[in-house]
Amino acid sequence: MKRFDKILFGLVIGFIFPIMIGLLSVLIWFYNDGQETHAPFYALIGLSSGLLIDLIFLKRLINKLYVLPIWFVAGIYIFYNICVYGFFMGFPVFQCIIGIVSRILLW
């Protein structure tokens, strides 16, 4: 595997855990605590937990990149698709851009 591939897929896979766990921790804050002064602490705890998981598992995932199960790869695509959908408030053009990028990467 080339260095560029390791960097590119390391970034793609590496952003998943901090974003996902950070969002889950903010969701926990919203339903359990709800005080606005505590929200940054929940977000930082979630992001740091995601970075810790990256430190533990990312190197193994990158080394086994070409033998990852299809459900994991599909989960990555669905996760980023949901993030883009939420970020752009449902504007569908950017969903198509993710499809084009995934098609180019899988070519």
Protein backbone atom coordinates (compact mmCIF):
# COMPACT_ATOMS: atom_id res chain seq x y z
CA MET A 1 0.00 0.00 0.00
CA LYS A 2 1.35 3.40 -0.94
CA ARG A 3 1.87 6.20 1.54
CA PHE A 4 -0.83 8.34 -0.10
CA ASP A 5 -3.37 5.54 0.34
CA LYS A 6 -2.50 5.17 4.02
CA ILE A 7 -2.87 8.91 4.60
CA LEU A 8 -6.13 9.24 2.64
CA PHE A 9 -7.88 6.26 4.16
CA GLY A 10 -6.40 7.05 7.57
CA LEU A 11 -8.15 10.42 7.40
CA VAL A 12 -11.39 8.89 6.10
CA ILE A 13 -11.55 6.20 8.76
CA GLY A 14 -9.86 8.31 11.45
CA PHE A 15 -12.54 11.00 11.53
CA ILE A 16 -15.36 8.51 12.09
CA PHE A 17 -14.82 7.69 15.76
CA PRO A 18 -14.26 11.23 17.11
CA ILE A 19 -17.24 12.60 15.18
CA MET A 20 -19.56 9.72 16.05
CA ILE A 21 -18.69 9.53 19.74
CA GLY A 22 -18.65 13.33 20.01
CA LEU A 23 -22.16 13.49 18.57
CA LEU A 24 -23.33 10.68 20.84
CA SER A 25 -21.95 12.46 23.89
CA VAL A 26 -23.74 15.67 22.92
CA LEU A 27 -26.91 13.63 22.49
CA ILE A 28 -26.42 12.21 25.99
CA TRP A 29 -25.95 15.76 27.28
CA PHE A 30 -29.15 16.88 25.56
CA TYR A 31 -31.32 14.16 27.05
CA ASN A 32 -29.74 13.85 30.50
CA ASP A 33 -28.27 17.19 31.54
CA GLY A 34 -29.45 19.97 29.23
CA GLN A 35 -27.49 22.81 30.86
CA GLU A 36 -25.71 24.85 28.22
CA THR A 37 -22.65 25.36 30.38
CA HIS A 38 -21.98 21.60 30.43
CA ALA A 39 -22.26 21.03 26.67
CA PRO A 40 -18.60 21.78 25.81
CA PHE A 41 -17.43 19.32 28.46
CA TYR A 42 -19.59 16.56 27.01
CA ALA A 43 -18.36 17.35 23.50
CA LEU A 44 -14.71 17.36 24.57
CA ILE A 45 -15.12 14.08 26.44
CA GLY A 46 -16.71 12.53 23.35
CA LEU A 47 -14.04 13.84 20.99
CA SER A 48 -11.20 12.74 23.25
CA SER A 49 -12.78 9.29 23.64
CA GLY A 50 -12.98 9.02 19.85
CA LEU A 51 -9.34 10.04 19.51
CA LEU A 52 -8.39 7.43 22.09
CA ILE A 53 -10.22 4.77 20.09
CA ASP A 54 -8.37 5.98 16.99
CA LEU A 55 -5.04 5.58 18.77
CA ILE A 56 -5.94 2.02 19.68
CA PHE A 57 -7.60 0.72 16.50
CA LEU A 58 -6.71 2.94 13.52
CA LYS A 59 -3.37 1.36 12.65
CA ARG A 60 -4.93 -2.12 12.58
CA LEU A 61 -7.80 -0.90 10.40
CA ILE A 62 -5.42 0.75 7.93
CA ASN A 63 -3.21 -2.34 7.73
CA LYS A 64 -6.27 -4.53 6.99
CA LEU A 65 -7.85 -1.97 4.66
CA TYR A 66 -8.29 -4.24 1.66
CA VAL A 67 -9.85 -7.08 3.66
CA LEU A 68 -12.39 -5.08 5.66
CA PRO A 69 -15.88 -6.59 5.60
CA ILE A 70 -18.39 -5.02 3.26
CA TRP A 71 -20.70 -4.04 6.13
CA PHE A 72 -17.89 -1.92 7.64
CA VAL A 73 -17.21 -0.14 4.36
CA ALA A 74 -20.95 0.40 3.80
CA GLY A 75 -21.20 1.73 7.36
CA ILE A 76 -18.47 4.28 6.62
CA TYR A 77 -20.34 5.44 3.53
CA ILE A 78 -23.68 5.64 5.36
CA PHE A 79 -22.10 7.50 8.29
CA TYR A 80 -20.56 10.17 6.06
CA ASN A 81 -23.75 10.37 4.03
CA ILE A 82 -25.77 11.10 7.18
CA CYS A 83 -23.20 13.68 8.32
CA VAL A 84 -23.30 15.51 4.99
CA TYR A 85 -27.09 15.37 4.94
CA GLY A 86 -27.25 16.94 8.40
CA PHE A 87 -24.54 19.50 7.71
CA PHE A 88 -26.14 20.83 4.54
CA MET A 89 -29.70 20.59 5.92
CA GLY A 90 -30.90 18.09 3.35
CA PHE A 91 -29.71 19.91 0.21
CA PRO A 92 -29.36 16.92 -2.14
CA VAL A 93 -26.54 18.12 -4.40
CA PHE A 94 -23.88 17.32 -1.84
CA GLN A 95 -25.25 13.77 -1.46
CA CYS A 96 -24.50 13.26 -5.14
CA ILE A 97 -20.96 14.54 -4.64
CA ILE A 98 -20.34 11.85 -2.01
CA GLY A 99 -21.60 9.25 -4.47
CA ILE A 100 -19.26 10.52 -7.17
CA VAL A 101 -16.28 10.52 -4.80
CA SER A 102 -17.03 6.98 -3.62
CA ARG A 103 -17.35 5.82 -7.23
CA ILE A 104 -13.97 7.35 -8.08
CA LEU A 105 -12.33 5.73 -5.02
CA LEU A 106 -13.81 2.33 -5.86
CA TRP A 107 -12.92 2.52 -9.55
